Protein backbone atom coordinates (compact mmCIF):
# COMPACT_ATOMS: atom_id res chain seq x y z
CA MET A 1 8.49 38.29 23.06
CA THR A 2 11.83 38.00 21.30
CA ARG A 3 11.44 37.90 17.54
CA HIS A 4 13.81 35.49 15.77
CA THR A 5 14.96 36.88 12.46
CA THR A 6 16.88 35.24 9.67
CA SER A 7 18.44 36.61 6.51
CA THR A 8 16.29 35.79 3.49
CA GLU A 9 19.36 35.40 1.29
CA GLY A 10 19.47 31.86 -0.02
CA ALA A 11 16.33 30.83 1.85
CA ARG A 12 14.87 27.53 0.68
CA GLN A 13 11.16 27.79 -0.01
CA ILE A 14 8.98 25.75 2.32
CA HIS A 15 6.08 23.67 1.00
CA LEU A 16 3.07 23.25 3.28
CA ALA A 17 -0.04 21.08 2.99
CA ALA A 18 -3.03 20.43 5.26
CA HIS A 19 -4.22 16.94 6.21
CA PHE A 20 -7.88 16.65 7.23
CA PRO A 21 -7.65 14.85 10.62
CA GLY A 22 -9.66 11.91 11.84
CA VAL A 23 -7.62 8.81 11.00
CA ASN A 24 -6.07 6.95 13.94
CA ASN A 25 -6.15 8.88 17.21
CA THR A 26 -4.84 12.30 16.15
CA THR A 27 -8.19 14.05 16.64
CA VAL A 28 -9.20 15.12 20.15
CA TRP A 29 -12.83 14.09 20.09
CA VAL A 30 -13.67 15.35 23.59
CA ASP A 31 -12.79 18.96 22.79
CA PRO A 32 -16.04 20.97 22.33
CA ARG A 33 -14.47 22.61 19.26
CA SER A 34 -14.27 19.23 17.52
CA LYS A 35 -17.02 19.16 14.90
CA SER A 36 -18.42 16.79 12.28
CA GLN A 37 -16.23 14.55 10.14
CA ILE A 38 -19.01 14.27 7.55
CA ASP A 39 -20.58 17.73 7.07
CA PHE A 40 -19.20 19.51 4.04
CA ALA A 41 -18.80 22.63 6.18
CA SER A 42 -15.91 20.91 8.02
CA PHE A 43 -14.04 20.14 4.83
CA GLU A 44 -14.73 23.62 3.47
CA HIS A 45 -13.48 25.34 6.63
CA LEU A 46 -10.13 23.55 6.67
CA ALA A 47 -9.65 23.93 2.92
CA ARG A 48 -10.42 27.67 3.01
CA THR A 49 -8.02 28.11 5.90
CA ALA A 50 -5.28 26.26 4.00
CA GLU A 51 -5.84 28.44 0.95
CA ARG A 52 -5.82 31.57 3.09
CA GLY A 53 -2.43 30.37 4.34
CA LEU A 54 -1.24 29.87 0.74
CA PHE A 55 -0.67 26.14 1.29
CA ASP A 56 0.22 23.91 -1.64
CA PHE A 57 -2.57 21.40 -1.15
CA PHE A 58 -5.34 19.91 1.00
CA PHE A 59 -5.00 16.21 1.69
CA LEU A 60 -7.63 13.51 2.40
CA ALA A 61 -6.75 10.05 3.63
CA GLU A 62 -9.07 7.15 3.08
CA GLY A 63 -9.52 3.55 4.20
CA LEU A 64 -11.49 0.87 2.36
CA ARG A 65 -12.74 -1.03 5.38
CA LEU A 66 -13.58 -0.15 8.96
CA ARG A 67 -10.89 -1.56 11.22
CA GLU A 68 -11.72 -4.16 13.83
CA GLN A 69 -10.47 -5.07 17.29
CA ARG A 70 -11.50 -8.29 19.05
CA GLY A 71 -13.92 -8.98 16.19
CA ARG A 72 -15.74 -5.64 16.64
CA ILE A 73 -15.51 -2.37 14.75
CA HIS A 74 -12.71 -0.24 16.17
CA ASP A 75 -14.96 2.45 17.66
CA LEU A 76 -12.24 5.10 17.95
CA ASP A 77 -12.18 5.46 14.15
CA VAL A 78 -14.16 7.78 11.97
CA VAL A 79 -17.23 5.99 10.66
CA GLY A 80 -19.05 7.32 7.62
CA ARG A 81 -16.29 9.45 6.04
CA PRO A 82 -17.43 10.46 2.54
CA GLU A 83 -15.54 9.27 -0.52
CA SER A 84 -12.50 11.51 -1.04
CA ILE A 85 -12.63 12.49 -4.71
CA THR A 86 -16.30 13.42 -4.39
CA VAL A 87 -15.42 15.76 -1.52
CA LEU A 88 -12.60 17.31 -3.51
CA ASN A 89 -14.76 17.92 -6.53
CA ALA A 90 -17.07 19.90 -4.25
CA LEU A 91 -14.13 21.77 -2.71
CA ALA A 92 -12.96 22.74 -6.19
CA ALA A 93 -16.02 25.01 -6.40
CA VAL A 94 -15.22 26.89 -3.16
CA THR A 95 -11.43 27.27 -3.59
CA GLU A 96 -9.39 28.88 -6.35
CA LYS A 97 -5.70 27.95 -6.06
CA LEU A 98 -5.39 25.23 -3.40
CA GLY A 99 -4.25 21.79 -4.58
CA LEU A 100 -6.68 18.93 -3.86
CA ALA A 101 -5.19 15.54 -3.00
CA ALA A 102 -7.14 12.29 -2.53
CA THR A 103 -5.97 8.86 -1.43
CA VAL A 104 -7.00 6.06 -3.81
CA ASN A 105 -5.83 2.49 -3.32
CA ALA A 106 -3.99 0.95 -6.27
CA THR A 107 -4.70 -2.60 -5.09
CA PHE A 108 -8.51 -2.49 -5.15
CA ASN A 109 -9.23 -0.05 -7.97
CA GLU A 110 -8.81 -0.06 -11.75
CA PRO A 111 -6.43 2.21 -13.74
CA PHE A 112 -9.02 3.38 -16.28
CA ASP A 113 -11.58 4.51 -13.72
CA THR A 114 -8.98 6.02 -11.41
CA ALA A 115 -7.36 7.95 -14.25
CA ARG A 116 -10.76 9.18 -15.40
CA ARG A 117 -11.73 10.42 -11.92
CA PHE A 118 -8.49 12.30 -11.39
CA ALA A 119 -8.53 13.77 -14.88
CA THR A 120 -12.06 15.01 -14.18
CA LEU A 121 -10.98 16.59 -10.89
CA ASP A 122 -8.01 18.21 -12.62
CA HIS A 123 -10.29 19.76 -15.25
CA LEU A 124 -12.94 20.90 -12.76
CA SER A 125 -10.31 22.49 -10.52
CA GLY A 126 -8.22 24.07 -13.28
CA GLY A 127 -5.20 21.86 -12.70
CA ARG A 128 -5.13 21.24 -8.95
CA ALA A 129 -5.59 17.47 -8.60
CA ALA A 130 -3.24 15.09 -6.78
CA TRP A 131 -3.42 11.34 -6.21
CA ASN A 132 -1.96 9.73 -3.09
CA VAL A 133 -1.16 6.19 -4.21
CA VAL A 134 -1.44 3.55 -1.49
CA THR A 135 -1.34 -0.23 -1.59
CA SER A 136 -2.84 -3.01 0.51
CA SER A 137 -1.72 -6.55 1.12
CA ASP A 138 -4.34 -7.77 3.59
CA ALA A 139 -7.19 -10.15 2.81
CA PHE A 140 -9.31 -8.37 5.43
CA THR A 141 -9.64 -5.32 3.17
CA GLY A 142 -10.01 -7.54 0.12
CA GLU A 143 -13.21 -9.06 1.49
CA ASN A 144 -14.99 -5.83 0.58
CA PHE A 145 -14.29 -6.38 -3.12
CA ARG A 146 -15.67 -8.84 -5.62
CA ARG A 147 -12.35 -10.55 -6.33
CA GLY A 148 -11.54 -10.82 -2.61
CA GLY A 149 -8.13 -12.02 -1.62
CA TYR A 150 -5.07 -9.85 -1.69
CA LEU A 151 -1.75 -9.27 -3.39
CA ASP A 152 1.40 -10.91 -2.15
CA ARG A 153 3.49 -8.27 -0.35
CA ALA A 154 6.24 -8.70 -2.95
CA ASP A 155 3.81 -7.70 -5.72
CA ARG A 156 2.27 -4.62 -4.09
CA TYR A 157 4.72 -2.07 -5.47
CA THR A 158 5.25 -3.64 -8.89
CA HIS A 159 1.45 -3.68 -9.26
CA ALA A 160 1.19 -0.06 -8.07
CA ALA A 161 4.02 1.10 -10.35
CA GLU A 162 2.31 -0.38 -13.39
CA PHE A 163 -1.02 1.04 -12.23
CA VAL A 164 0.48 4.56 -12.18
CA GLU A 165 2.17 3.92 -15.53
CA VAL A 166 -1.17 2.98 -17.11
CA ALA A 167 -2.89 6.05 -15.62
CA ARG A 168 -0.24 8.34 -17.10
CA GLU A 169 -0.57 6.66 -20.46
CA LEU A 170 -4.33 7.29 -20.37
CA TRP A 171 -3.83 10.93 -19.38
CA ASP A 172 -1.44 11.34 -22.29
CA ALA A 173 -3.86 9.71 -24.72
CA GLY A 174 -6.75 11.91 -23.64
CA THR A 175 -9.53 11.78 -26.20
CA GLU A 176 -7.19 12.16 -29.17
CA TYR A 177 -6.37 8.55 -29.96
CA PRO A 178 -6.97 4.96 -28.81
CA PHE A 179 -4.59 3.31 -26.37
CA ARG A 180 -3.37 -0.16 -25.61
CA HIS A 181 -1.37 -1.33 -22.62
CA GLN A 182 -0.07 -4.86 -22.21
CA GLY A 183 1.89 -5.55 -19.04
CA ARG A 184 2.36 -8.05 -16.23
CA HIS A 185 -0.58 -6.80 -14.16
CA PHE A 186 -2.82 -4.97 -16.64
CA THR A 187 -4.08 -5.34 -20.20
CA VAL A 188 -6.10 -2.25 -21.08
CA GLU A 189 -7.29 -1.19 -24.51
CA GLY A 190 -9.81 1.29 -25.81
CA ASP A 191 -10.54 5.01 -25.84
CA PHE A 192 -10.14 7.38 -22.88
CA THR A 193 -13.17 9.58 -22.21
CA VAL A 194 -11.54 12.74 -20.75
CA PRO A 195 -9.20 15.18 -22.53
CA ARG A 196 -5.61 15.39 -21.34
CA PRO A 197 -5.60 17.06 -17.87
CA PRO A 198 -4.50 20.71 -17.49
CA GLN A 199 -1.41 19.58 -15.51
CA GLY A 200 -0.58 16.91 -18.09
CA HIS A 201 -0.48 14.44 -15.23
CA PRO A 202 -2.13 15.11 -11.86
CA VAL A 203 0.48 15.21 -9.10
CA VAL A 204 1.32 11.73 -7.72
CA ILE A 205 1.95 11.36 -3.97
CA GLN A 206 3.33 8.22 -2.36
CA ALA A 207 3.37 7.34 1.33
CA GLY A 208 5.92 4.90 2.70
CA ASP A 209 9.25 4.52 4.45
CA SER A 210 10.21 0.97 3.44
CA ALA A 211 12.97 0.30 0.91
CA GLU A 212 10.33 -0.69 -1.67
CA GLY A 213 8.31 2.45 -0.93
CA ARG A 214 11.36 4.69 -1.31
CA GLU A 215 12.25 3.09 -4.64
CA PHE A 216 8.66 3.41 -5.88
CA ALA A 217 8.65 7.09 -4.91
CA ALA A 218 11.97 7.68 -6.65
CA SER A 219 10.67 6.08 -9.85
CA ALA A 220 7.11 7.36 -10.00
CA ALA A 221 6.10 9.96 -7.39
CA ASP A 222 6.13 13.76 -7.32
CA VAL A 223 5.74 13.97 -3.51
CA ILE A 224 6.56 11.44 -0.78
CA PHE A 225 4.51 11.61 2.44
CA THR A 226 6.68 10.25 5.24
CA ARG A 227 7.53 10.62 8.93
CA HIS A 228 10.67 11.04 10.97
CA GLY A 229 11.33 12.14 14.52
CA THR A 230 14.57 14.11 14.45
CA LEU A 231 16.49 16.42 12.17
CA GLU A 232 19.19 13.78 11.74
CA ALA A 233 16.70 11.03 10.83
CA GLY A 234 15.05 13.37 8.36
CA GLN A 235 18.35 14.23 6.75
CA ALA A 236 19.26 10.56 6.37
CA PHE A 237 15.88 9.77 4.74
CA TYR A 238 16.10 12.87 2.52
CA ALA A 239 19.59 12.01 1.29
CA ASP A 240 18.68 8.37 0.63
CA VAL A 241 15.55 9.07 -1.39
CA LYS A 242 17.02 11.96 -3.36
CA ALA A 243 20.04 9.80 -4.26
CA ARG A 244 17.73 7.20 -5.84
CA LEU A 245 16.29 9.64 -8.41
CA ALA A 246 19.25 9.68 -10.81
CA ALA A 247 18.73 6.02 -11.69
CA TYR A 248 15.39 7.06 -13.22
CA GLY A 249 16.71 10.09 -15.06
CA ARG A 250 15.25 12.47 -12.51
CA LYS A 251 16.63 15.48 -10.65
CA PRO A 252 16.47 16.09 -6.87
CA ASP A 253 13.79 18.77 -7.25
CA ASP A 254 11.53 16.37 -9.16
CA LEU A 255 10.42 14.77 -5.90
CA LYS A 256 9.30 16.74 -2.85
CA ILE A 257 9.75 15.14 0.57
CA MET A 258 6.96 16.23 2.96
CA PRO A 259 6.66 14.47 6.34
CA GLY A 260 3.36 14.50 8.21
CA VAL A 261 3.62 16.41 11.49
CA THR A 262 1.53 17.90 14.27
CA PHE A 263 2.04 21.22 16.03
CA VAL A 264 1.13 22.91 19.30
CA LEU A 265 1.52 26.65 19.83
CA GLY A 266 1.75 28.66 23.06
CA ASP A 267 2.64 32.19 24.09
CA THR A 268 5.61 30.73 26.00
CA ALA A 269 7.59 27.50 25.62
CA ALA A 270 6.24 26.24 28.94
CA GLU A 271 2.65 26.91 27.94
CA ALA A 272 3.15 25.09 24.62
CA GLN A 273 4.65 22.05 26.35
CA GLU A 274 1.81 21.96 28.85
CA LYS A 275 -0.77 22.17 26.07
CA ALA A 276 1.01 19.44 24.09
CA ALA A 277 1.04 17.10 27.10
CA GLU A 278 -2.68 17.63 27.69
CA ILE A 279 -3.46 17.03 24.03
CA ARG A 280 -1.56 13.72 24.13
CA ARG A 281 -3.49 12.68 27.23
CA GLN A 282 -6.73 13.46 25.42
CA GLN A 283 -5.63 11.61 22.30
CA VAL A 284 -4.55 8.53 24.26
CA SER A 285 -7.48 7.78 26.54
CA PRO A 286 -7.36 4.67 28.76
CA GLN A 287 -9.39 2.82 26.13
CA THR A 288 -7.06 3.94 23.34
CA ALA A 289 -4.01 2.86 25.36
CA ILE A 290 -5.35 -0.68 25.88
CA LEU A 291 -6.26 -1.00 22.20
CA ALA A 292 -2.78 0.19 21.18
CA LEU A 293 -1.27 -2.37 23.53
CA GLU A 294 -3.41 -5.14 22.05
CA HIS A 295 -2.29 -4.17 18.58
CA VAL A 296 1.25 -5.05 19.58
CA TRP A 297 0.63 -7.97 21.97
CA GLY A 298 -2.06 -9.60 19.78
CA VAL A 299 -4.17 -10.76 22.73
CA ASP A 300 -7.21 -9.50 24.60
CA LEU A 301 -5.94 -7.15 27.31
CA SER A 302 -9.29 -5.58 28.21
CA SER A 303 -8.94 -6.75 31.81
CA TYR A 304 -5.74 -4.72 32.26
CA ASP A 305 -5.69 -1.33 34.01
CA ALA A 306 -4.38 1.40 31.70
CA ASP A 307 -2.80 3.01 34.76
CA GLY A 308 -1.04 -0.22 35.70
CA PRO A 309 2.13 -1.93 34.41
CA LEU A 310 2.70 -3.46 30.99
CA PRO A 311 1.90 -7.18 30.54
CA ASP A 312 4.63 -9.63 31.50
CA ILE A 313 3.52 -12.06 28.79
CA ASP A 314 5.02 -12.34 25.31
CA PRO A 315 3.23 -11.01 22.22
CA VAL A 316 1.38 -13.38 19.91
CA PRO A 317 2.31 -12.42 16.32
CA ASP A 318 -0.32 -12.54 13.57
CA SER A 319 -3.09 -13.50 16.01
CA GLY A 320 -5.76 -11.71 13.98
CA LEU A 321 -7.06 -9.83 17.01
CA SER A 322 -6.56 -6.52 15.22
CA GLN A 323 -7.70 -6.25 11.61
CA GLY A 324 -7.04 -3.51 9.08
CA ARG A 325 -4.29 -1.75 11.02
CA THR A 326 -0.68 -1.48 9.88
CA ARG A 327 1.94 -2.59 12.36
CA ARG A 328 5.43 -1.16 11.83
CA GLY A 329 8.08 -3.54 12.94
CA ASP A 330 8.56 -6.84 14.78
CA VAL A 331 6.12 -7.20 17.68
CA PHE A 332 8.76 -8.70 20.00
CA GLU A 333 11.10 -5.79 19.33
CA ILE A 334 8.32 -3.27 19.87
CA ALA A 335 7.23 -4.91 23.10
CA GLU A 336 10.81 -4.97 24.44
CA LYS A 337 11.29 -1.32 23.51
CA TRP A 338 8.08 -0.35 25.31
CA ARG A 339 9.11 -2.37 28.37
CA ALA A 340 12.52 -0.67 28.42
CA VAL A 341 10.91 2.77 28.26
CA SER A 342 8.40 1.82 30.96
CA ARG A 343 11.11 0.47 33.29
CA ALA A 344 13.46 3.38 32.77
CA LYS A 345 10.83 6.03 33.43
CA GLY A 346 8.43 4.18 35.71
CA LEU A 347 5.54 4.52 33.27
CA SER A 348 2.09 2.91 33.23
CA ILE A 349 0.51 1.39 30.12
CA ARG A 350 -1.15 4.66 29.19
CA GLN A 351 1.97 6.72 29.87
CA THR A 352 4.08 4.29 27.83
CA VAL A 353 1.75 4.48 24.83
CA ILE A 354 1.84 8.29 25.05
CA GLU A 355 5.64 8.23 25.25
CA THR A 356 6.25 5.77 22.40
CA THR A 357 3.52 6.51 19.84
CA GLY A 358 3.51 10.29 19.54
CA ARG A 359 4.19 11.60 16.05
CA GLN A 360 7.04 14.10 15.77
CA SER A 361 5.59 17.53 16.45
CA PHE A 362 6.61 21.17 16.44
CA VAL A 363 5.86 22.49 19.92
CA GLY A 364 6.64 26.03 21.07
CA THR A 365 5.91 29.67 20.48
CA PRO A 366 5.06 30.74 16.92
CA ASP A 367 8.61 32.12 16.60
CA THR A 368 10.34 28.91 17.66
CA VAL A 369 8.03 26.72 15.54
CA ALA A 370 8.69 28.92 12.48
CA ALA A 371 12.45 28.74 13.17
CA GLU A 372 12.40 24.96 13.55
CA ILE A 373 10.39 24.38 10.39
CA ASP A 374 12.78 26.63 8.51
CA ALA A 375 15.76 24.77 10.00
CA PHE A 376 14.45 21.39 8.83
CA VAL A 377 14.01 22.64 5.26
CA ARG A 378 17.28 24.56 5.20
CA GLY A 379 19.03 21.51 6.63
CA ARG A 380 17.58 19.28 3.90
CA ALA A 381 15.62 17.09 6.27
CA ALA A 382 12.44 17.90 4.27
CA ASP A 383 11.12 20.09 1.46
CA GLY A 384 8.13 20.99 3.59
CA PHE A 385 5.47 19.43 5.79
CA ILE A 386 1.94 18.08 5.75
CA LEU A 387 0.29 19.49 8.88
CA VAL A 388 -2.14 17.26 10.78
CA PRO A 389 -4.12 19.40 13.26
CA HIS A 390 -5.72 17.76 16.29
CA LEU A 391 -9.06 19.55 15.89
CA THR A 392 -11.66 19.40 13.14
CA PRO A 393 -12.10 21.72 11.37
CA GLY A 394 -10.50 24.76 13.07
CA GLY A 395 -7.20 23.23 14.12
CA LEU A 396 -5.22 24.89 11.35
CA ASP A 397 -6.44 28.45 11.99
CA GLU A 398 -3.86 29.34 14.63
CA PHE A 399 -0.94 28.11 12.53
CA VAL A 400 -2.03 30.16 9.53
CA ASP A 401 -2.63 33.27 11.66
CA ARG A 402 0.53 33.07 13.80
CA VAL A 403 3.21 30.98 12.07
CA VAL A 404 2.77 31.60 8.35
CA PRO A 405 3.48 35.36 8.65
CA LEU A 406 6.75 34.57 10.44
CA LEU A 407 7.79 32.15 7.69
CA GLN A 408 7.01 34.88 5.18
CA GLU A 409 9.16 37.36 7.11
CA ARG A 410 12.03 34.91 6.82
CA GLY A 411 11.62 34.84 3.07
CA ALA A 412 11.02 31.10 3.28
CA PHE A 413 7.34 31.03 2.29
CA ARG A 414 5.34 32.63 -0.49
CA THR A 415 3.31 35.81 0.05
CA GLU A 416 1.04 34.96 -2.88
CA TYR A 417 0.46 32.09 -5.27
CA ALA A 418 2.72 32.48 -8.32
CA GLY A 419 0.60 30.16 -10.48
CA SER A 420 -2.76 28.47 -10.56
CA THR A 421 -1.86 24.75 -10.73
CA LEU A 422 -0.58 22.43 -8.03
CA ARG A 423 2.48 21.69 -10.12
CA SER A 424 3.31 25.40 -10.14
CA HIS A 425 2.93 25.57 -6.33
CA LEU A 426 5.32 22.63 -5.93
CA GLY A 427 7.78 23.80 -8.53
CA LEU A 428 7.25 20.69 -10.67
CA ARG A 429 7.50 20.66 -14.42
CA THR A 430 4.49 19.87 -16.63
CA PRO A 431 5.26 16.52 -18.27
CA GLU A 432 5.33 16.27 -22.03
CA PRO A 433 3.22 13.52 -23.60
CA GLN A 434 5.21 10.31 -24.07
CA THR A 435 6.48 9.42 -27.53
CA ARG A 436 4.32 6.77 -29.17
CA GLU A 437 4.82 4.50 -32.11
CA PRO A 438 2.27 4.00 -34.90
CA LEU A 439 -0.11 1.12 -34.33
CA ALA A 440 0.60 -1.85 -36.54
CA PRO A 441 -2.03 -2.18 -39.28
CA GLY A 442 -5.01 -4.16 -38.12
CA PRO A 443 -8.71 -4.52 -38.65
CA GLY A 444 -10.37 -1.16 -38.59
CA THR A 445 -7.60 0.98 -37.07
CA THR A 446 -4.39 2.76 -37.92
CA GLU A 447 -4.29 4.84 -34.75
CA ARG A 448 -1.46 5.10 -32.23
CA ILE A 449 -0.56 2.66 -29.48
CA LEU A 450 0.69 2.92 -25.91
CA THR A 451 2.78 -0.04 -24.85
CA ALA A 452 4.34 -1.12 -21.57
């Protein structure tokens, strides 16, 4: 094997995180090595592997309702996934340095309770908590909550931005003084119950590629979780988001850009490509292919053969056939793109779904994968990556054993943790408490106030 070497002079440091798989169709369920999505042993295995690999953090996604297709539960999803922060509190006891990131929805939760839960995790873990802020605009998810309904799409990010603002105000207040917040979306007043977190503010992660999502990340996030398929697309996204930071008084290093990616390793390039193709075939079963097609077309296509041609009918937008799933883009444009790919390459439904829906992956020998990851970070297409293995829970083991040492040889990845908090791993400053004005005299209090 030819070993690729690179001078360590001027190497940009790569940030790595581990995503626990199971959402969408990343996981290969038919593989005998695929284990429980519920047993704590699965979470512990992946987290310990990530910490052994000196990763920045371990990441848990979460949904607030089981998705449906044709009025039935989408049976390719994980059912029964434990609540994320509870899992991370348990993982805090079996890890020492690894950051612990949980997804919590800003649309269907409350700032006080969310801030309290993350402050608690930050204390229990010694400063390793992170919050992935997501929003929701669909009434389908809202039906699970007492107020029902949903936010208008235009209000999602303004609501989320104020939600994060309130949480940070509460973390700053700690148990030292009362707080009061009066804003468009929230009026909160009282006493916080947890001392200021060890990190000052737990790390805030935001996922989204839209213009609104990019602006929200530039204004409020420490990490943005995104996706892009090529070096050039990554560089364009990177430049755009970093350029937005100055408007908020922030520097480029204040926000880390970390796309979610998969990987497949082989002893040769040909072996890796063959393995990757087989994994995609396992991920996109005939049933999965038809369901993916229905998500775009919006009609029942269960009578279609996954090994046959694409439908010659037009999509039906907003039909309600698929509930709880995010569609990216105009359905007519997606359908035409899929048809063009199918015609050009002579592909069946299943082959077309495999061709058009695969997430950008690093595929090759450990040397070539290490070199490509390094090239993306050196080329400012990313600050690092969130790795999504296709197996639970052992899918990260090979990467840590075979790729991480090569990144270390390049001088592009740490050989030990330099600090104990997630902010130290990411190279983020610890925020100072915000300046506050004295509370105007009133009945029974002369304490301080936090205002919007």
